[in-house]
Amino acid sequence: HIGGVRTALFNYLFAKKHGGTFVLRIEDTDQNRYVEGAEAYIK
């Protein structure tokens, strides 16, 4: 969702502003709700 993109953007902006590191972590512990192709879509 674009709300998620905004969260990623604000994290990225904050990291780069302070010379830091922006990490992508895929939280896929809920295997019942896992959707094929969603991780590739996020990237």
PDB file of all heavy atoms in Angstrom:
ATOM      1  N   HIS A   1       0.860  -1.195   0.000  1.00  0.00           N
ATOM      2  CA  HIS A   1       0.000   0.000   0.000  1.00  0.00           C
ATOM      3  C   HIS A   1       0.895   1.243   0.000  1.00  0.00           C
ATOM      4  O   HIS A   1       2.028   1.189   0.474  1.00  0.00           O
ATOM      5  CB  HIS A   1      -0.854  -0.060   1.274  1.00  0.00           C
ATOM      6  CG  HIS A   1      -1.888   0.994   1.403  1.00  0.00           C
ATOM      7  ND1 HIS A   1      -1.598   2.268   1.841  1.00  0.00           N
ATOM      8  CD2 HIS A   1      -3.224   0.969   1.185  1.00  0.00           C
ATOM      9  CE1 HIS A   1      -2.713   2.983   1.890  1.00  0.00           C
ATOM     10  NE2 HIS A   1      -3.717   2.220   1.500  1.00  0.00           N
ATOM     11  N   ILE A   2       0.393   2.362  -0.521  1.00  0.00           N
ATOM     12  CA  ILE A   2       1.252   3.557  -0.537  1.00  0.00           C
ATOM     13  C   ILE A   2       1.595   4.018   0.872  1.00  0.00           C
ATOM     14  O   ILE A   2       2.600   4.701   1.070  1.00  0.00           O
ATOM     15  CB  ILE A   2       0.640   4.727  -1.346  1.00  0.00           C
ATOM     16  CG1 ILE A   2      -0.748   5.104  -0.828  1.00  0.00           C
ATOM     17  CG2 ILE A   2       0.645   4.435  -2.818  1.00  0.00           C
ATOM     18  CD1 ILE A   2      -1.193   6.467  -1.304  1.00  0.00           C
ATOM     19  N   GLY A   3       0.771   3.625   1.867  1.00  0.00           N
ATOM     20  CA  GLY A   3       1.133   3.918   3.256  1.00  0.00           C
ATOM     21  C   GLY A   3       2.425   3.222   3.625  1.00  0.00           C
ATOM     22  O   GLY A   3       3.272   3.777   4.336  1.00  0.00           O
ATOM     23  N   GLY A   4       2.591   2.001   3.134  1.00  0.00           N
ATOM     24  CA  GLY A   4       3.834   1.258   3.363  1.00  0.00           C
ATOM     25  C   GLY A   4       5.003   1.894   2.635  1.00  0.00           C
ATOM     26  O   GLY A   4       6.113   1.967   3.175  1.00  0.00           O
ATOM     27  N   VAL A   5       4.763   2.370   1.418  1.00  0.00           N
ATOM     28  CA  VAL A   5       5.828   3.048   0.664  1.00  0.00           C
ATOM     29  C   VAL A   5       6.261   4.302   1.419  1.00  0.00           C
ATOM     30  O   VAL A   5       7.446   4.608   1.510  1.00  0.00           O
ATOM     31  CB  VAL A   5       5.362   3.413  -0.761  1.00  0.00           C
ATOM     32  CG1 VAL A   5       6.492   4.092  -1.529  1.00  0.00           C
ATOM     33  CG2 VAL A   5       4.889   2.176  -1.523  1.00  0.00           C
ATOM     34  N   ARG A   6       5.274   5.042   1.979  1.00  0.00           N
ATOM     35  CA  ARG A   6       5.627   6.246   2.737  1.00  0.00           C
ATOM     36  C   ARG A   6       6.486   5.888   3.950  1.00  0.00           C
ATOM     37  O   ARG A   6       7.462   6.578   4.269  1.00  0.00           O
ATOM     38  CB  ARG A   6       4.377   6.990   3.194  1.00  0.00           C
ATOM     39  CG  ARG A   6       4.717   8.310   3.884  1.00  0.00           C
ATOM     40  CD  ARG A   6       3.564   8.876   4.662  1.00  0.00           C
ATOM     41  NE  ARG A   6       3.113   7.977   5.726  1.00  0.00           N
ATOM     42  CZ  ARG A   6       2.198   8.306   6.623  1.00  0.00           C
ATOM     43  NH1 ARG A   6       1.625   9.494   6.590  1.00  0.00           N
ATOM     44  NH2 ARG A   6       1.828   7.445   7.557  1.00  0.00           N
ATOM     45  N   THR A   7       6.142   4.793   4.648  1.00  0.00           N
ATOM     46  CA  THR A   7       6.953   4.366   5.801  1.00  0.00           C
ATOM     47  C   THR A   7       8.379   4.060   5.358  1.00  0.00           C
ATOM     48  O   THR A   7       9.342   4.467   6.011  1.00  0.00           O
ATOM     49  CB  THR A   7       6.320   3.125   6.465  1.00  0.00           C
ATOM     50  OG1 THR A   7       5.008   3.462   6.924  1.00  0.00           O
ATOM     51  CG2 THR A   7       7.154   2.638   7.641  1.00  0.00           C
ATOM     52  N   ALA A   8       8.503   3.342   4.235  1.00  0.00           N
ATOM     53  CA  ALA A   8       9.838   3.037   3.706  1.00  0.00           C
ATOM     54  C   ALA A   8      10.575   4.327   3.365  1.00  0.00           C
ATOM     55  O   ALA A   8      11.769   4.486   3.679  1.00  0.00           O
ATOM     56  CB  ALA A   8       9.711   2.154   2.462  1.00  0.00           C
ATOM     57  N   LEU A   9       9.869   5.261   2.732  1.00  0.00           N
ATOM     58  CA  LEU A   9      10.485   6.529   2.326  1.00  0.00           C
ATOM     59  C   LEU A   9      10.993   7.308   3.531  1.00  0.00           C
ATOM     60  O   LEU A   9      12.135   7.781   3.537  1.00  0.00           O
ATOM     61  CB  LEU A   9       9.466   7.373   1.556  1.00  0.00           C
ATOM     62  CG  LEU A   9       9.888   8.811   1.226  1.00  0.00           C
ATOM     63  CD1 LEU A   9      11.079   8.812   0.272  1.00  0.00           C
ATOM     64  CD2 LEU A   9       8.722   9.592   0.622  1.00  0.00           C
ATOM     65  N   PHE A  10      10.170   7.430   4.586  1.00  0.00           N
ATOM     66  CA  PHE A  10      10.587   8.204   5.756  1.00  0.00           C
ATOM     67  C   PHE A  10      11.782   7.542   6.446  1.00  0.00           C
ATOM     68  O   PHE A  10      12.676   8.234   6.945  1.00  0.00           O
ATOM     69  CB  PHE A  10       9.419   8.368   6.733  1.00  0.00           C
ATOM     70  CG  PHE A  10       8.413   9.430   6.319  1.00  0.00           C
ATOM     71  CD1 PHE A  10       8.324   9.851   5.007  1.00  0.00           C
ATOM     72  CD2 PHE A  10       7.559   9.995   7.237  1.00  0.00           C
ATOM     73  CE1 PHE A  10       7.401  10.823   4.605  1.00  0.00           C
ATOM     74  CE2 PHE A  10       6.632  10.975   6.871  1.00  0.00           C
ATOM     75  CZ  PHE A  10       6.555  11.379   5.546  1.00  0.00           C
ATOM     76  N   ASN A  11      11.798   6.221   6.488  1.00  0.00           N
ATOM     77  CA  ASN A  11      12.964   5.514   7.032  1.00  0.00           C
ATOM     78  C   ASN A  11      14.207   5.803   6.199  1.00  0.00           C
ATOM     79  O   ASN A  11      15.286   6.076   6.732  1.00  0.00           O
ATOM     80  CB  ASN A  11      12.697   4.008   7.085  1.00  0.00           C
ATOM     81  CG  ASN A  11      11.981   3.566   8.344  1.00  0.00           C
ATOM     82  OD1 ASN A  11      12.592   3.401   9.391  1.00  0.00           O
ATOM     83  ND2 ASN A  11      10.673   3.400   8.255  1.00  0.00           N
ATOM     84  N   TYR A  12      14.045   5.722   4.886  1.00  0.00           N
ATOM     85  CA  TYR A  12      15.175   5.970   3.970  1.00  0.00           C
ATOM     86  C   TYR A  12      15.694   7.392   4.136  1.00  0.00           C
ATOM     87  O   TYR A  12      16.907   7.614   4.260  1.00  0.00           O
ATOM     88  CB  TYR A  12      14.706   5.730   2.532  1.00  0.00           C
ATOM     89  CG  TYR A  12      15.726   6.106   1.481  1.00  0.00           C
ATOM     90  CD1 TYR A  12      16.722   5.212   1.101  1.00  0.00           C
ATOM     91  CD2 TYR A  12      15.716   7.364   0.889  1.00  0.00           C
ATOM     92  CE1 TYR A  12      17.670   5.556   0.148  1.00  0.00           C
ATOM     93  CE2 TYR A  12      16.659   7.732  -0.060  1.00  0.00           C
ATOM     94  CZ  TYR A  12      17.632   6.819  -0.428  1.00  0.00           C
ATOM     95  OH  TYR A  12      18.573   7.184  -1.367  1.00  0.00           O
ATOM     96  N   LEU A  13      14.781   8.372   4.151  1.00  0.00           N
ATOM     97  CA  LEU A  13      15.194   9.778   4.263  1.00  0.00           C
ATOM     98  C   LEU A  13      15.948  10.023   5.565  1.00  0.00           C
ATOM     99  O   LEU A  13      16.978  10.707   5.587  1.00  0.00           O
ATOM    100  CB  LEU A  13      13.968  10.701   4.198  1.00  0.00           C
ATOM    101  CG  LEU A  13      13.185  10.719   2.879  1.00  0.00           C
ATOM    102  CD1 LEU A  13      11.955  11.606   3.006  1.00  0.00           C
ATOM    103  CD2 LEU A  13      14.060  11.160   1.724  1.00  0.00           C
ATOM    104  N   PHE A  14      15.425   9.447   6.653  1.00  0.00           N
ATOM    105  CA  PHE A  14      16.066   9.637   7.952  1.00  0.00           C
ATOM    106  C   PHE A  14      17.463   9.015   7.967  1.00  0.00           C
ATOM    107  O   PHE A  14      18.429   9.622   8.449  1.00  0.00           O
ATOM    108  CB  PHE A  14      15.202   9.024   9.058  1.00  0.00           C
ATOM    109  CG  PHE A  14      15.726   9.283  10.438  1.00  0.00           C
ATOM    110  CD1 PHE A  14      15.534  10.509  11.056  1.00  0.00           C
ATOM    111  CD2 PHE A  14      16.438   8.301  11.124  1.00  0.00           C
ATOM    112  CE1 PHE A  14      16.039  10.754  12.340  1.00  0.00           C
ATOM    113  CE2 PHE A  14      16.945   8.537  12.387  1.00  0.00           C
ATOM    114  CZ  PHE A  14      16.740   9.771  12.998  1.00  0.00           C
ATOM    115  N   ALA A  15      17.567   7.798   7.421  1.00  0.00           N
ATOM    116  CA  ALA A  15      18.869   7.116   7.389  1.00  0.00           C
ATOM    117  C   ALA A  15      19.886   7.920   6.590  1.00  0.00           C
ATOM    118  O   ALA A  15      21.013   8.148   7.037  1.00  0.00           O
ATOM    119  CB  ALA A  15      18.712   5.717   6.801  1.00  0.00           C
ATOM    120  N   LYS A  16      19.481   8.354   5.392  1.00  0.00           N
ATOM    121  CA  LYS A  16      20.425   9.065   4.524  1.00  0.00           C
ATOM    122  C   LYS A  16      20.789  10.436   5.089  1.00  0.00           C
ATOM    123  O   LYS A  16      21.916  10.904   4.925  1.00  0.00           O
ATOM    124  CB  LYS A  16      19.847   9.212   3.110  1.00  0.00           C
ATOM    125  CG  LYS A  16      19.603   7.874   2.413  1.00  0.00           C
ATOM    126  CD  LYS A  16      20.857   7.015   2.399  1.00  0.00           C
ATOM    127  CE  LYS A  16      20.565   5.547   2.585  1.00  0.00           C
ATOM    128  NZ  LYS A  16      21.742   4.720   2.774  1.00  0.00           N
ATOM    129  N   LYS A  17      19.814  11.086   5.751  1.00  0.00           N
ATOM    130  CA  LYS A  17      20.075  12.398   6.361  1.00  0.00           C
ATOM    131  C   LYS A  17      21.201  12.288   7.391  1.00  0.00           C
ATOM    132  O   LYS A  17      22.022  13.190   7.549  1.00  0.00           O
ATOM    133  CB  LYS A  17      18.775  12.891   7.035  1.00  0.00           C
ATOM    134  CG  LYS A  17      18.906  14.152   7.888  1.00  0.00           C
ATOM    135  CD  LYS A  17      19.021  15.389   7.004  1.00  0.00           C
ATOM    136  CE  LYS A  17      19.095  16.661   7.834  1.00  0.00           C
ATOM    137  NZ  LYS A  17      17.767  17.139   8.225  1.00  0.00           N
ATOM    138  N   HIS A  18      21.242  11.142   8.100  1.00  0.00           N
ATOM    139  CA  HIS A  18      22.219  10.971   9.180  1.00  0.00           C
ATOM    140  C   HIS A  18      23.354  10.019   8.801  1.00  0.00           C
ATOM    141  O   HIS A  18      24.065   9.527   9.680  1.00  0.00           O
ATOM    142  CB  HIS A  18      21.500  10.488  10.442  1.00  0.00           C
ATOM    143  CG  HIS A  18      20.493  11.482  10.944  1.00  0.00           C
ATOM    144  ND1 HIS A  18      20.856  12.662  11.550  1.00  0.00           N
ATOM    145  CD2 HIS A  18      19.127  11.483  10.899  1.00  0.00           C
ATOM    146  CE1 HIS A  18      19.772  13.351  11.869  1.00  0.00           C
ATOM    147  NE2 HIS A  18      18.708  12.668  11.487  1.00  0.00           N
ATOM    148  N   GLY A  19      23.509   9.772   7.497  1.00  0.00           N
ATOM    149  CA  GLY A  19      24.602   8.906   7.048  1.00  0.00           C
ATOM    150  C   GLY A  19      24.472   7.492   7.559  1.00  0.00           C
ATOM    151  O   GLY A  19      25.473   6.809   7.811  1.00  0.00           O
ATOM    152  N   GLY A  20      23.219   7.042   7.752  1.00  0.00           N
ATOM    153  CA  GLY A  20      22.974   5.723   8.336  1.00  0.00           C
ATOM    154  C   GLY A  20      22.640   4.642   7.332  1.00  0.00           C
ATOM    155  O   GLY A  20      22.871   4.788   6.126  1.00  0.00           O
ATOM    156  N   THR A  21      22.072   3.556   7.842  1.00  0.00           N
ATOM    157  CA  THR A  21      21.791   2.363   7.043  1.00  0.00           C
ATOM    158  C   THR A  21      20.297   2.087   7.031  1.00  0.00           C
ATOM    159  O   THR A  21      19.634   2.116   8.078  1.00  0.00           O
ATOM    160  CB  THR A  21      22.526   1.143   7.652  1.00  0.00           C
ATOM    161  OG1 THR A  21      23.924   1.435   7.692  1.00  0.00           O
ATOM    162  CG2 THR A  21      22.305  -0.110   6.812  1.00  0.00           C
ATOM    163  N   PHE A  22      19.783   1.801   5.826  1.00  0.00           N
ATOM    164  CA  PHE A  22      18.365   1.485   5.634  1.00  0.00           C
ATOM    165  C   PHE A  22      18.248  -0.010   5.349  1.00  0.00           C
ATOM    166  O   PHE A  22      18.813  -0.510   4.385  1.00  0.00           O
ATOM    167  CB  PHE A  22      17.800   2.316   4.480  1.00  0.00           C
ATOM    168  CG  PHE A  22      16.390   1.971   4.085  1.00  0.00           C
ATOM    169  CD1 PHE A  22      15.387   1.855   5.034  1.00  0.00           C
ATOM    170  CD2 PHE A  22      16.056   1.772   2.750  1.00  0.00           C
ATOM    171  CE1 PHE A  22      14.078   1.551   4.670  1.00  0.00           C
ATOM    172  CE2 PHE A  22      14.759   1.473   2.367  1.00  0.00           C
ATOM    173  CZ  PHE A  22      13.768   1.352   3.325  1.00  0.00           C
ATOM    174  N   VAL A  23      17.538  -0.712   6.230  1.00  0.00           N
ATOM    175  CA  VAL A  23      17.436  -2.175   6.152  1.00  0.00           C
ATOM    176  C   VAL A  23      16.025  -2.574   5.706  1.00  0.00           C
ATOM    177  O   VAL A  23      15.035  -2.023   6.184  1.00  0.00           O
ATOM    178  CB  VAL A  23      17.719  -2.812   7.540  1.00  0.00           C
ATOM    179  CG1 VAL A  23      17.575  -4.336   7.486  1.00  0.00           C
ATOM    180  CG2 VAL A  23      19.106  -2.408   8.040  1.00  0.00           C
ATOM    181  N   LEU A  24      15.945  -3.546   4.800  1.00  0.00           N
ATOM    182  CA  LEU A  24      14.661  -4.165   4.458  1.00  0.00           C
ATOM    183  C   LEU A  24      14.614  -5.535   5.123  1.00  0.00           C
ATOM    184  O   LEU A  24      15.504  -6.364   4.908  1.00  0.00           O
ATOM    185  CB  LEU A  24      14.502  -4.330   2.946  1.00  0.00           C
ATOM    186  CG  LEU A  24      13.252  -5.121   2.504  1.00  0.00           C
ATOM    187  CD1 LEU A  24      11.969  -4.368   2.837  1.00  0.00           C
ATOM    188  CD2 LEU A  24      13.304  -5.440   1.011  1.00  0.00           C
ATOM    189  N   ARG A  25      13.596  -5.740   5.961  1.00  0.00           N
ATOM    190  CA  ARG A  25      13.423  -7.042   6.613  1.00  0.00           C
ATOM    191  C   ARG A  25      12.027  -7.560   6.271  1.00  0.00           C
ATOM    192  O   ARG A  25      11.036  -6.858   6.454  1.00  0.00           O
ATOM    193  CB  ARG A  25      13.578  -6.887   8.129  1.00  0.00           C
ATOM    194  CG  ARG A  25      13.538  -8.223   8.861  1.00  0.00           C
ATOM    195  CD  ARG A  25      13.889  -8.037  10.329  1.00  0.00           C
ATOM    196  NE  ARG A  25      12.830  -7.439  11.111  1.00  0.00           N
ATOM    197  CZ  ARG A  25      13.013  -6.440  11.986  1.00  0.00           C
ATOM    198  NH1 ARG A  25      14.209  -5.919  12.162  1.00  0.00           N
ATOM    199  NH2 ARG A  25      11.992  -5.957  12.678  1.00  0.00           N
ATOM    200  N   ILE A  26      11.955  -8.761   5.765  1.00  0.00           N
ATOM    201  CA  ILE A  26      10.673  -9.346   5.388  1.00  0.00           C
ATOM    202  C   ILE A  26      10.121 -10.132   6.569  1.00  0.00           C
ATOM    203  O   ILE A  26      10.708 -11.128   7.005  1.00  0.00           O
ATOM    204  CB  ILE A  26      10.828 -10.271   4.150  1.00  0.00           C
ATOM    205  CG1 ILE A  26      11.411  -9.490   2.961  1.00  0.00           C
ATOM    206  CG2 ILE A  26       9.488 -10.897   3.789  1.00  0.00           C
ATOM    207  CD1 ILE A  26      10.544  -8.358   2.453  1.00  0.00           C
ATOM    208  N   GLU A  27       8.992  -9.677   7.112  1.00  0.00           N
ATOM    209  CA  GLU A  27       8.409 -10.301   8.305  1.00  0.00           C
ATOM    210  C   GLU A  27       7.351 -11.320   7.876  1.00  0.00           C
ATOM    211  O   GLU A  27       6.160 -11.015   7.781  1.00  0.00           O
ATOM    212  CB  GLU A  27       7.852  -9.220   9.227  1.00  0.00           C
ATOM    213  CG  GLU A  27       8.942  -8.229   9.641  1.00  0.00           C
ATOM    214  CD  GLU A  27       8.693  -7.547  10.962  1.00  0.00           C
ATOM    215  OE1 GLU A  27       7.546  -7.443  11.389  1.00  0.00           O
ATOM    216  OE2 GLU A  27       9.693  -7.095  11.572  1.00  0.00           O
ATOM    217  N   ASP A  28       7.822 -12.518   7.607  1.00  0.00           N
ATOM    218  CA  ASP A  28       6.958 -13.573   7.048  1.00  0.00           C
ATOM    219  C   ASP A  28       6.709 -14.712   8.035  1.00  0.00           C
ATOM    220  O   ASP A  28       6.645 -15.880   7.647  1.00  0.00           O
ATOM    221  CB  ASP A  28       7.562 -14.118   5.749  1.00  0.00           C
ATOM    222  CG  ASP A  28       8.985 -14.664   5.938  1.00  0.00           C
ATOM    223  OD1 ASP A  28       9.564 -14.432   7.027  1.00  0.00           O
ATOM    224  OD2 ASP A  28       9.511 -15.310   5.021  1.00  0.00           O
ATOM    225  N   THR A  29       6.566 -14.364   9.313  1.00  0.00           N
ATOM    226  CA  THR A  29       6.321 -15.424  10.309  1.00  0.00           C
ATOM    227  C   THR A  29       4.906 -15.981  10.188  1.00  0.00           C
ATOM    228  O   THR A  29       4.646 -17.110  10.580  1.00  0.00           O
ATOM    229  CB  THR A  29       6.531 -14.896  11.742  1.00  0.00           C
ATOM    230  OG1 THR A  29       5.776 -13.700  11.905  1.00  0.00           O
ATOM    231  CG2 THR A  29       8.001 -14.605  12.006  1.00  0.00           C
ATOM    232  N   ASP A  30       3.967 -15.175   9.659  1.00  0.00           N
ATOM    233  CA  ASP A  30       2.581 -15.632   9.507  1.00  0.00           C
ATOM    234  C   ASP A  30       2.433 -16.321   8.155  1.00  0.00           C
ATOM    235  O   ASP A  30       2.050 -15.718   7.155  1.00  0.00           O
ATOM    236  CB  ASP A  30       1.613 -14.455   9.622  1.00  0.00           C
ATOM    237  CG  ASP A  30       0.162 -14.915   9.741  1.00  0.00           C
ATOM    238  OD1 ASP A  30      -0.105 -16.094   9.425  1.00  0.00           O
ATOM    239  OD2 ASP A  30      -0.701 -14.099  10.129  1.00  0.00           O
ATOM    240  N   GLN A  31       2.752 -17.619   8.147  1.00  0.00           N
ATOM    241  CA  GLN A  31       2.747 -18.373   6.892  1.00  0.00           C
ATOM    242  C   GLN A  31       1.333 -18.559   6.325  1.00  0.00           C
ATOM    243  O   GLN A  31       1.166 -18.780   5.127  1.00  0.00           O
ATOM    244  CB  GLN A  31       3.424 -19.737   7.089  1.00  0.00           C
ATOM    245  CG  GLN A  31       4.921 -19.637   7.332  1.00  0.00           C
ATOM    246  CD  GLN A  31       5.687 -19.063   6.139  1.00  0.00           C
ATOM    247  OE1 GLN A  31       5.633 -19.588   5.042  1.00  0.00           O
ATOM    248  NE2 GLN A  31       6.381 -17.948   6.354  1.00  0.00           N
ATOM    249  N   ASN A  32       0.319 -18.477   7.178  1.00  0.00           N
ATOM    250  CA  ASN A  32      -1.059 -18.632   6.689  1.00  0.00           C
ATOM    251  C   ASN A  32      -1.467 -17.479   5.776  1.00  0.00           C
ATOM    252  O   ASN A  32      -2.311 -17.648   4.894  1.00  0.00           O
ATOM    253  CB  ASN A  32      -2.048 -18.693   7.875  1.00  0.00           C
ATOM    254  CG  ASN A  32      -1.862 -19.967   8.676  1.00  0.00           C
ATOM    255  OD1 ASN A  32      -1.524 -21.014   8.125  1.00  0.00           O
ATOM    256  ND2 ASN A  32      -2.067 -19.883   9.988  1.00  0.00           N
ATOM    257  N   ARG A  33      -0.887 -16.313   5.991  1.00  0.00           N
ATOM    258  CA  ARG A  33      -1.257 -15.133   5.195  1.00  0.00           C
ATOM    259  C   ARG A  33      -0.233 -14.819   4.107  1.00  0.00           C
ATOM    260  O   ARG A  33      -0.374 -13.835   3.383  1.00  0.00           O
ATOM    261  CB  ARG A  33      -1.426 -13.918   6.119  1.00  0.00           C
ATOM    262  CG  ARG A  33      -2.575 -14.082   7.117  1.00  0.00           C
ATOM    263  CD  ARG A  33      -2.674 -12.869   8.029  1.00  0.00           C
ATOM    264  NE  ARG A  33      -2.959 -11.660   7.279  1.00  0.00           N
ATOM    265  CZ  ARG A  33      -2.402 -10.465   7.510  1.00  0.00           C
ATOM    266  NH1 ARG A  33      -1.526 -10.327   8.498  1.00  0.00           N
ATOM    267  NH2 ARG A  33      -2.718  -9.416   6.779  1.00  0.00           N
ATOM    268  N   TYR A  34       0.790 -15.664   3.993  1.00  0.00           N
ATOM    269  CA  TYR A  34       1.843 -15.428   2.992  1.00  0.00           C
ATOM    270  C   TYR A  34       1.260 -15.490   1.580  1.00  0.00           C
ATOM    271  O   TYR A  34       0.484 -16.384   1.248  1.00  0.00           O
ATOM    272  CB  TYR A  34       2.951 -16.471   3.150  1.00  0.00           C
ATOM    273  CG  TYR A  34       4.047 -16.341   2.120  1.00  0.00           C
ATOM    274  CD1 TYR A  34       5.071 -15.417   2.284  1.00  0.00           C
ATOM    275  CD2 TYR A  34       4.054 -17.138   0.974  1.00  0.00           C
ATOM    276  CE1 TYR A  34       6.081 -15.291   1.341  1.00  0.00           C
ATOM    277  CE2 TYR A  34       5.050 -17.024   0.024  1.00  0.00           C
ATOM    278  CZ  TYR A  34       6.065 -16.088   0.204  1.00  0.00           C
ATOM    279  OH  TYR A  34       7.053 -15.964  -0.732  1.00  0.00           O
ATOM    280  N   VAL A  35       1.620 -14.516   0.743  1.00  0.00           N
ATOM    281  CA  VAL A  35       1.126 -14.469  -0.639  1.00  0.00           C
ATOM    282  C   VAL A  35       2.309 -14.568  -1.592  1.00  0.00           C
ATOM    283  O   VAL A  35       3.258 -13.771  -1.515  1.00  0.00           O
ATOM    284  CB  VAL A  35       0.341 -13.159  -0.902  1.00  0.00           C
ATOM    285  CG1 VAL A  35      -0.020 -13.025  -2.375  1.00  0.00           C
ATOM    286  CG2 VAL A  35      -0.921 -13.119  -0.040  1.00  0.00           C
ATOM    287  N   GLU A  36       2.253 -15.540  -2.479  1.00  0.00           N
ATOM    288  CA  GLU A  36       3.306 -15.754  -3.482  1.00  0.00           C
ATOM    289  C   GLU A  36       3.474 -14.490  -4.321  1.00  0.00           C
ATOM    290  O   GLU A  36       2.509 -13.912  -4.799  1.00  0.00           O
ATOM    291  CB  GLU A  36       2.924 -16.934  -4.383  1.00  0.00           C
ATOM    292  CG  GLU A  36       4.058 -17.425  -5.270  1.00  0.00           C
ATOM    293  CD  GLU A  36       5.180 -18.084  -4.475  1.00  0.00           C
ATOM    294  OE1 GLU A  36       4.876 -18.825  -3.525  1.00  0.00           O
ATOM    295  OE2 GLU A  36       6.354 -17.824  -4.823  1.00  0.00           O
ATOM    296  N   GLY A  37       4.709 -14.055  -4.496  1.00  0.00           N
ATOM    297  CA  GLY A  37       4.981 -12.891  -5.340  1.00  0.00           C
ATOM    298  C   GLY A  37       4.991 -11.566  -4.586  1.00  0.00           C
ATOM    299  O   GLY A  37       5.418 -10.545  -5.123  1.00  0.00           O
ATOM    300  N   ALA A  38       4.525 -11.567  -3.334  1.00  0.00           N
ATOM    301  CA  ALA A  38       4.429 -10.303  -2.584  1.00  0.00           C
ATOM    302  C   ALA A  38       5.815  -9.737  -2.253  1.00  0.00           C
ATOM    303  O   ALA A  38       6.027  -8.521  -2.325  1.00  0.00           O
ATOM    304  CB  ALA A  38       3.616 -10.497  -1.315  1.00  0.00           C
ATOM    305  N   GLU A  39       6.747 -10.617  -1.902  1.00  0.00           N
ATOM    306  CA  GLU A  39       8.091 -10.117  -1.574  1.00  0.00           C
ATOM    307  C   GLU A  39       8.748  -9.489  -2.797  1.00  0.00           C
ATOM    308  O   GLU A  39       9.338  -8.405  -2.712  1.00  0.00           O
ATOM    309  CB  GLU A  39       8.971 -11.246  -1.030  1.00  0.00           C
ATOM    310  CG  GLU A  39      10.358 -10.760  -0.649  1.00  0.00           C
ATOM    311  CD  GLU A  39      11.303 -11.870  -0.203  1.00  0.00           C
ATOM    312  OE1 GLU A  39      10.842 -12.820   0.464  1.00  0.00           O
ATOM    313  OE2 GLU A  39      12.508 -11.769  -0.520  1.00  0.00           O
ATOM    314  N   ALA A  40       8.624 -10.150  -3.939  1.00  0.00           N
ATOM    315  CA  ALA A  40       9.196  -9.605  -5.184  1.00  0.00           C
ATOM    316  C   ALA A  40       8.559  -8.251  -5.508  1.00  0.00           C
ATOM    317  O   ALA A  40       9.225  -7.321  -5.972  1.00  0.00           O
ATOM    318  CB  ALA A  40       8.981 -10.586  -6.336  1.00  0.00           C
ATOM    319  N   TYR A  41       7.244  -8.146  -5.245  1.00  0.00           N
ATOM    320  CA  TYR A  41       6.524  -6.898  -5.492  1.00  0.00           C
ATOM    321  C   TYR A  41       7.087  -5.771  -4.615  1.00  0.00           C
ATOM    322  O   TYR A  41       7.310  -4.656  -5.088  1.00  0.00           O
ATOM    323  CB  TYR A  41       5.033  -7.111  -5.184  1.00  0.00           C
ATOM    324  CG  TYR A  41       4.170  -5.886  -5.389  1.00  0.00           C
ATOM    325  CD1 TYR A  41       3.444  -5.713  -6.561  1.00  0.00           C
ATOM    326  CD2 TYR A  41       4.072  -4.903  -4.402  1.00  0.00           C
ATOM    327  CE1 TYR A  41       2.645  -4.585  -6.757  1.00  0.00           C
ATOM    328  CE2 TYR A  41       3.281  -3.779  -4.583  1.00  0.00           C
ATOM    329  CZ  TYR A  41       2.574  -3.624  -5.758  1.00  0.00           C
ATOM    330  OH  TYR A  41       1.800  -2.509  -5.948  1.00  0.00           O
ATOM    331  N   ILE A  42       7.316  -6.070  -3.343  1.00  0.00           N
ATOM    332  CA  ILE A  42       7.858  -5.074  -2.408  1.00  0.00           C
ATOM    333  C   ILE A  42       9.204  -4.556  -2.911  1.00  0.00           C
ATOM    334  O   ILE A  42       9.445  -3.341  -2.962  1.00  0.00           O
ATOM    335  CB  ILE A  42       8.003  -5.684  -0.997  1.00  0.00           C
ATOM    336  CG1 ILE A  42       6.619  -5.947  -0.387  1.00  0.00           C
ATOM    337  CG2 ILE A  42       8.821  -4.772  -0.085  1.00  0.00           C
ATOM    338  CD1 ILE A  42       6.633  -6.885   0.812  1.00  0.00           C
ATOM    339  N   LYS A  43      10.069  -5.469  -3.315  1.00  0.00           N
ATOM    340  CA  LYS A  43      11.400  -5.074  -3.799  1.00  0.00           C
ATOM    341  C   LYS A  43      11.309  -4.235  -5.066  1.00  0.00           C
ATOM    342  O   LYS A  43      11.998  -3.220  -5.211  1.00  0.00           O
ATOM    343  CB  LYS A  43      12.247  -6.324  -4.076  1.00  0.00           C
ATOM    344  CG  LYS A  43      12.612  -7.126  -2.839  1.00  0.00           C
ATOM    345  CD  LYS A  43      13.398  -8.344  -3.299  1.00  0.00           C
ATOM    346  CE  LYS A  43      13.627  -9.315  -2.167  1.00  0.00           C
ATOM    347  NZ  LYS A  43      14.203 -10.578  -2.655  1.00  0.00           N
TER     348      LYS A  43
END
